[in-house]
Protein backbone atom coordinates (compact mmCIF):
# COMPACT_ATOMS: atom_id res chain seq x y z
CA MET A 1 3.15 19.76 -6.00
CA LYS A 2 2.75 16.93 -8.49
CA LYS A 3 1.09 14.21 -6.48
CA THR A 4 2.05 10.63 -7.35
CA LEU A 5 0.51 7.32 -6.35
CA VAL A 6 3.02 4.47 -6.01
CA ILE A 7 1.44 1.02 -6.09
CA MET A 8 3.57 -1.89 -4.93
CA ALA A 9 2.45 -4.54 -7.40
CA ALA A 10 5.39 -6.86 -8.05
CA GLY A 11 3.39 -9.81 -6.75
CA LEU A 12 0.30 -8.86 -8.70
CA GLY A 13 2.37 -8.33 -11.84
CA SER A 14 3.79 -11.83 -11.71
CA ARG A 15 0.28 -13.24 -11.56
CA PHE A 16 -0.62 -11.37 -14.73
CA GLY A 17 2.21 -13.29 -16.30
CA GLY A 18 0.10 -16.42 -16.49
CA LYS A 19 -1.19 -17.56 -13.10
CA GLU A 20 -4.96 -17.57 -13.44
CA GLY A 21 -7.23 -17.18 -10.46
CA ALA A 22 -4.76 -15.50 -8.09
CA LYS A 23 -6.49 -13.37 -5.47
CA GLN A 24 -4.75 -10.12 -6.42
CA VAL A 25 -6.23 -10.15 -9.92
CA THR A 26 -9.66 -11.42 -8.92
CA PRO A 27 -12.49 -9.24 -10.32
CA VAL A 28 -14.48 -7.55 -7.57
CA ASP A 29 -17.47 -6.45 -9.64
CA SER A 30 -19.59 -7.59 -12.56
CA LEU A 31 -17.43 -5.74 -15.11
CA GLY A 32 -14.21 -7.50 -14.15
CA GLN A 33 -12.68 -4.46 -12.44
CA MET A 34 -10.11 -5.16 -9.73
CA ILE A 35 -9.23 -3.55 -6.42
CA ILE A 36 -6.20 -1.91 -8.03
CA ASP A 37 -8.54 -0.17 -10.51
CA TYR A 38 -10.56 1.36 -7.68
CA SER A 39 -7.32 2.64 -6.11
CA VAL A 40 -6.32 4.50 -9.27
CA PHE A 41 -9.87 5.79 -9.76
CA ASP A 42 -9.94 7.24 -6.23
CA ALA A 43 -6.50 8.80 -6.72
CA CYS A 44 -7.60 10.45 -9.97
CA ARG A 45 -10.68 11.92 -8.30
CA ALA A 46 -8.51 13.28 -5.49
CA GLY A 47 -6.24 15.13 -7.91
CA PHE A 48 -3.27 12.80 -8.23
CA GLU A 49 -1.49 13.34 -11.53
CA LYS A 50 0.71 10.26 -11.85
CA VAL A 51 0.62 6.58 -10.93
CA VAL A 52 3.74 4.43 -10.73
CA TYR A 53 3.32 0.67 -10.71
CA VAL A 54 6.24 -1.19 -9.11
CA ILE A 55 6.37 -4.52 -10.90
CA LYS A 56 8.76 -7.22 -12.08
CA PRO A 57 10.30 -6.32 -15.45
CA GLU A 58 9.18 -9.59 -17.05
CA SER A 59 5.55 -8.66 -16.27
CA LEU A 60 5.56 -5.32 -18.10
CA ASP A 61 3.68 -6.26 -21.27
CA ALA A 62 0.99 -8.30 -19.54
CA PHE A 63 0.60 -5.77 -16.75
CA HIS A 64 0.37 -2.83 -19.14
CA GLU A 65 -2.34 -4.58 -21.11
CA GLY A 66 -4.28 -5.80 -18.08
CA VAL A 67 -4.00 -2.75 -15.80
CA GLY A 68 -1.83 0.26 -16.52
CA GLY A 69 -2.65 0.91 -20.15
CA ARG A 70 -6.34 1.28 -19.40
CA TRP A 71 -5.69 4.38 -17.25
CA GLU A 72 -3.54 6.41 -19.63
CA LYS A 73 -6.43 8.70 -20.64
CA SER A 74 -6.97 9.79 -17.05
CA ILE A 75 -3.54 9.89 -15.40
CA GLU A 76 0.15 9.73 -16.30
CA VAL A 77 1.22 6.09 -16.05
CA ALA A 78 4.77 4.90 -15.37
CA TYR A 79 6.45 1.65 -14.34
CA ALA A 80 9.31 0.96 -11.96
CA PHE A 81 10.96 -2.41 -11.73
CA GLN A 82 11.75 -4.34 -8.58
CA THR A 83 14.54 -6.85 -9.10
CA PRO A 84 16.82 -8.59 -6.59
CA GLU A 85 19.74 -6.53 -7.92
CA SER A 86 18.07 -3.11 -7.57
CA TYR A 87 19.84 -0.76 -5.12
CA LEU A 88 22.26 -3.38 -3.86
CA PRO A 89 25.36 -1.85 -2.24
CA GLU A 90 28.60 -2.15 -4.16
CA GLY A 91 30.21 -5.52 -3.53
CA PHE A 92 27.00 -7.15 -2.27
CA LYS A 93 25.54 -10.11 -4.16
CA VAL A 94 22.12 -11.69 -4.01
CA PRO A 95 22.40 -14.76 -1.75
CA GLU A 96 22.51 -17.99 -3.72
CA GLY A 97 19.04 -19.51 -3.84
CA ARG A 98 17.25 -16.24 -2.97
CA VAL A 99 14.13 -15.82 -5.14
CA LYS A 100 11.89 -13.94 -2.70
CA PRO A 101 11.58 -10.15 -3.26
CA TRP A 102 13.33 -7.87 -0.76
CA GLY A 103 10.02 -6.61 0.63
CA THR A 104 7.81 -3.52 0.64
CA GLY A 105 10.53 -1.10 1.77
CA HIS A 106 12.62 -2.12 -1.21
CA ALA A 107 9.58 -1.91 -3.52
CA ALA A 108 8.99 1.70 -2.52
CA LEU A 109 12.67 2.51 -3.03
CA CYS A 110 12.56 1.13 -6.57
CA ALA A 111 10.07 3.89 -7.54
CA GLU A 112 12.57 6.67 -6.78
CA ASN A 113 13.38 7.70 -10.37
CA GLU A 114 9.69 7.97 -11.31
CA VAL A 115 8.55 10.12 -8.37
CA PRO A 116 8.97 13.89 -8.90
CA ASP A 117 7.57 15.15 -5.60
CA GLY A 118 5.34 14.10 -2.70
CA PHE A 119 3.74 10.68 -3.07
CA VAL A 120 1.47 8.05 -1.57
CA CYS A 121 2.63 4.43 -1.37
CA ILE A 122 0.08 1.61 -1.12
CA ASN A 123 -0.40 -2.14 -1.50
CA ALA A 124 -1.86 -3.34 -4.80
CA ASP A 125 -4.50 -5.59 -3.28
CA ASP A 126 -6.05 -3.43 -0.53
CA PHE A 127 -9.18 -1.32 -1.02
CA TYR A 128 -8.61 1.84 1.00
CA GLY A 129 -11.67 3.97 0.19
CA ARG A 130 -12.15 7.39 -1.36
CA GLU A 131 -11.60 9.44 1.81
CA ALA A 132 -8.07 8.10 2.25
CA TYR A 133 -6.93 9.59 -1.06
CA GLU A 134 -8.73 12.87 -0.44
CA ARG A 135 -7.05 13.27 2.96
CA ALA A 136 -3.67 12.39 1.45
CA ALA A 137 -4.09 14.93 -1.35
CA ARG A 138 -4.99 17.72 1.09
CA PHE A 139 -1.98 16.86 3.22
CA LEU A 140 0.44 16.94 0.27
CA ASP A 141 -1.01 20.20 -1.01
CA GLY A 142 -0.99 21.88 2.39
CA GLU A 143 2.18 20.72 4.14
CA SER A 144 5.51 22.03 2.83
CA ASP A 145 7.75 20.82 5.68
CA PRO A 146 10.04 18.20 4.05
CA CYS A 147 10.34 16.33 7.35
CA LEU A 148 6.59 16.05 7.89
CA ASN A 149 5.02 12.91 6.44
CA ALA A 150 1.78 11.10 7.20
CA MET A 151 -0.18 7.87 7.16
CA VAL A 152 -3.87 7.11 6.93
CA GLY A 153 -5.02 5.32 10.07
CA TYR A 154 -7.97 2.92 10.12
CA ARG A 155 -10.16 1.72 12.95
CA LEU A 156 -9.20 -1.90 13.56
CA ARG A 157 -12.81 -3.07 13.46
CA ASN A 158 -13.09 -1.69 9.91
CA THR A 159 -10.17 -3.79 8.70
CA MET A 160 -11.11 -7.27 9.91
CA THR A 161 -12.33 -10.38 8.13
CA PRO A 162 -14.48 -13.09 9.75
CA ASN A 163 -12.60 -15.70 7.72
CA GLY A 164 -9.32 -15.77 9.63
CA SER A 165 -6.56 -13.73 11.22
CA VAL A 166 -4.94 -10.63 9.71
CA ALA A 167 -1.66 -8.79 10.18
CA ARG A 168 -1.87 -5.11 11.13
CA GLY A 169 0.45 -2.44 12.42
CA VAL A 170 -1.10 -1.21 15.69
CA CYS A 171 -0.29 2.49 16.06
CA GLU A 172 0.53 4.64 19.05
CA THR A 173 0.03 8.41 18.81
CA ASP A 174 0.64 11.44 20.97
CA GLU A 175 -2.01 13.96 22.00
CA ASP A 176 -1.41 16.00 18.84
CA GLY A 177 -2.08 13.06 16.52
CA PHE A 178 1.51 12.27 15.56
CA LEU A 179 2.71 8.70 15.28
CA THR A 180 5.00 7.61 18.11
CA GLY A 181 5.31 3.91 17.29
CA ILE A 182 3.93 0.91 15.42
CA THR A 183 3.75 -2.64 16.74
CA GLU A 184 3.32 -5.31 14.09
CA ARG A 185 0.74 -7.87 15.13
CA THR A 186 0.73 -10.75 12.68
CA LYS A 187 -2.24 -12.73 14.04
CA ILE A 188 -5.24 -10.56 14.89
CA SER A 189 -8.67 -12.20 14.96
CA GLN A 190 -12.12 -10.68 15.11
CA MET A 191 -13.99 -10.93 18.40
CA GLY A 192 -17.35 -9.20 18.05
CA ALA A 193 -16.73 -5.47 17.61
CA ASP A 194 -13.21 -5.88 19.00
CA ALA A 195 -10.32 -8.30 18.44
CA VAL A 196 -7.68 -10.48 20.04
CA PHE A 197 -4.09 -11.14 19.00
CA THR A 198 -1.57 -13.89 19.65
CA GLU A 199 2.12 -14.38 19.05
CA ASN A 200 2.31 -18.09 19.86
CA ASP A 201 -1.20 -19.49 19.10
CA ARG A 202 -1.68 -20.20 22.80
CA ASP A 203 -1.92 -16.90 24.62
CA PHE A 204 -4.49 -14.35 23.40
CA TYR A 205 -4.69 -10.68 24.32
CA PRO A 206 -7.54 -8.21 23.75
CA LEU A 207 -7.42 -5.33 21.27
CA SER A 208 -10.02 -2.59 21.09
CA GLY A 209 -11.88 -2.32 17.81
CA ASP A 210 -11.19 1.43 18.01
CA SER A 211 -7.42 0.89 17.86
CA ILE A 212 -5.78 2.78 15.01
CA VAL A 213 -3.92 0.52 12.61
CA SER A 214 -1.75 0.94 9.56
CA LEU A 215 -2.66 -0.69 6.25
CA ASN A 216 0.47 0.53 4.45
CA PHE A 217 -1.10 3.77 3.23
CA TRP A 218 1.93 6.02 3.61
CA ILE A 219 2.29 9.65 2.53
CA PHE A 220 5.88 10.68 1.96
CA LYS A 221 7.88 13.67 0.81
CA LYS A 222 10.48 13.12 -1.92
CA GLY A 223 13.41 13.25 0.51
CA VAL A 224 12.39 9.96 2.09
CA PHE A 225 14.13 7.98 -0.67
CA ALA A 226 17.57 8.73 0.75
CA GLU A 227 16.44 7.26 4.07
CA LEU A 228 14.84 4.26 2.37
CA LYS A 229 18.16 3.54 0.66
CA LYS A 230 20.08 3.93 3.90
CA GLY A 231 17.65 1.62 5.69
CA PHE A 232 17.85 -1.02 2.96
CA HIS A 233 21.64 -1.09 3.09
CA ALA A 234 21.54 -1.37 6.90
CA PHE A 235 19.04 -4.22 6.58
CA LEU A 236 21.36 -6.12 4.25
CA GLU A 237 24.33 -5.61 6.54
CA ASN A 238 22.68 -6.24 9.90
CA GLU A 239 19.53 -8.34 9.50
CA LEU A 240 19.77 -10.49 6.40
CA GLY A 241 22.02 -13.02 8.09
CA GLU A 242 19.10 -14.19 10.23
CA ASN A 243 17.42 -15.73 7.17
CA PRO A 244 19.16 -14.81 3.90
CA LEU A 245 16.62 -16.57 1.69
CA LYS A 246 13.42 -15.08 3.15
CA LYS A 247 14.14 -12.05 5.36
CA GLU A 248 12.44 -8.88 4.03
CA TYR A 249 12.88 -5.12 4.39
CA TYR A 250 9.43 -3.85 5.37
CA LEU A 251 8.24 -0.33 4.66
CA PRO A 252 6.89 0.38 8.20
CA SER A 253 10.40 -0.03 9.59
CA LEU A 254 11.32 3.30 7.97
CA PRO A 255 8.84 5.53 9.87
CA GLN A 256 9.69 3.68 13.05
CA ARG A 257 13.40 4.45 12.62
CA LEU A 258 12.93 8.07 11.52
CA ILE A 259 10.70 8.78 14.50
CA SER A 260 13.12 7.18 16.97
CA GLU A 261 16.04 9.14 15.48
CA GLY A 262 14.09 12.41 15.47
CA LYS A 263 14.56 12.85 11.73
CA ALA A 264 10.90 13.02 10.70
CA ARG A 265 7.36 13.21 12.01
CA PHE A 266 4.30 11.34 10.79
CA ARG A 267 0.84 12.78 11.21
CA VAL A 268 -1.90 10.16 11.51
CA LEU A 269 -4.88 11.01 9.30
CA PRO A 270 -7.80 9.00 10.70
CA THR A 271 -10.51 7.64 8.44
CA ARG A 272 -13.69 5.69 9.03
CA GLU A 273 -13.48 4.05 5.62
CA LYS A 274 -13.94 0.28 5.58
CA TRP A 275 -11.15 -1.83 4.18
CA PHE A 276 -11.80 -4.57 1.70
CA GLY A 277 -9.23 -7.17 0.79
CA LEU A 278 -8.83 -10.70 -0.43
CA THR A 279 -6.77 -12.24 2.34
CA TYR A 280 -8.79 -15.44 2.08
CA GLN A 281 -10.76 -16.93 -0.79
CA ALA A 282 -13.90 -16.57 1.31
CA ASP A 283 -13.35 -12.78 1.36
CA VAL A 284 -14.13 -12.44 -2.35
CA GLU A 285 -17.90 -12.45 -1.98
CA LYS A 286 -17.84 -10.04 0.96
CA THR A 287 -15.67 -7.65 -1.02
CA ARG A 288 -17.94 -7.80 -4.05
CA ARG A 289 -21.00 -7.13 -1.90
CA GLY A 290 -19.30 -4.21 -0.16
CA ILE A 291 -18.25 -2.58 -3.42
CA GLN A 292 -21.71 -3.05 -4.90
CA GLN A 293 -23.21 -1.35 -1.86
CA LEU A 294 -20.89 1.60 -2.43
CA LYS A 295 -22.01 1.75 -6.05
CA ASP A 296 -25.66 1.60 -5.04
CA ALA A 297 -25.02 4.53 -2.69
CA GLY A 298 -23.52 6.54 -5.55
CA ALA A 299 -19.92 6.45 -4.31
CA TYR A 300 -18.66 4.84 -7.53
CA PRO A 301 -19.95 4.55 -11.11
CA ASN A 302 -20.65 1.07 -12.36
CA ASP A 303 -17.96 1.43 -15.04
CA LEU A 304 -14.79 3.13 -13.77
CA PHE A 305 -13.58 3.62 -17.33
CA ALA A 306 -16.73 5.25 -18.70
CA ALA A 307 -16.09 8.52 -20.52
CA SER A 308 -18.22 10.40 -17.99
CA ALA A 309 -16.55 8.90 -14.91
CA LEU A 310 -13.30 10.86 -15.04
CA PRO A 311 -11.96 13.87 -16.89
CA GLU A 312 -9.18 13.31 -19.41
CA ARG A 313 -5.81 14.25 -18.00
CA SER A 314 -4.20 17.46 -19.15
CA GLY A 315 -0.78 17.75 -20.76
CA LYS A 316 -0.87 14.40 -22.53
């Protein structure tokens, strides 16, 4: 199986087009390397052979120079373009005044023509940790059932920031470790080793720090694209009317639907990796310290692009 990493980077790509200082392109170490660089590095080490960046077409040149082109010696690099017109059903038009992207489910769908086989789909601005990619690679290499997919599940306490609330998909699993449901909690706040969440900013409910949550690290088989397309068309027909200028088609809605319809299963691959992200400006220093600690422990080289850090890819 040719393993592919799909990185949803349309937002990041637009910032490369001239918006300095945006959090997604903030350097997280002394050499100016970004979170997205660590994602590709970890994927290369885990045996992934291709990376597909989903970006806006107008960002291609700047994005290739700033990110993608630097990895071509180590992994096959391709680009897929997310536009408002992509995968629209016949006869459907983009609502007048709509400028917001269609969301992460649509971003994943836009990678279809560049994905040859099983793949991992991630956010561009989340640091997932080496173990996540290793577990994903073993799953793709070892599971041939086309209806069996997976996700990497994180301990909630390892995904929090002291600088404000976060949004996480709180997972429910059965006794065999298969996903049975995800509840999106958009305002989760740290409370010691645990957390609380609210839906109305008045009532707060406890959440165990050991809760398994999704950070949009999904592991799919190729056949999922047909279901992504079906789900996107259903979203446009049934949900867009609620807010045609801002409503989005989110990637986690796909596993939820496939599970409820009995069309697919999702194994939860737990990890104790610690998430780093730049949700708030105050998170930058914490992220830099965390990555430096990993380097000091030998988990990463100082320079991800050093000749000795990664082997050159074969078949160039």
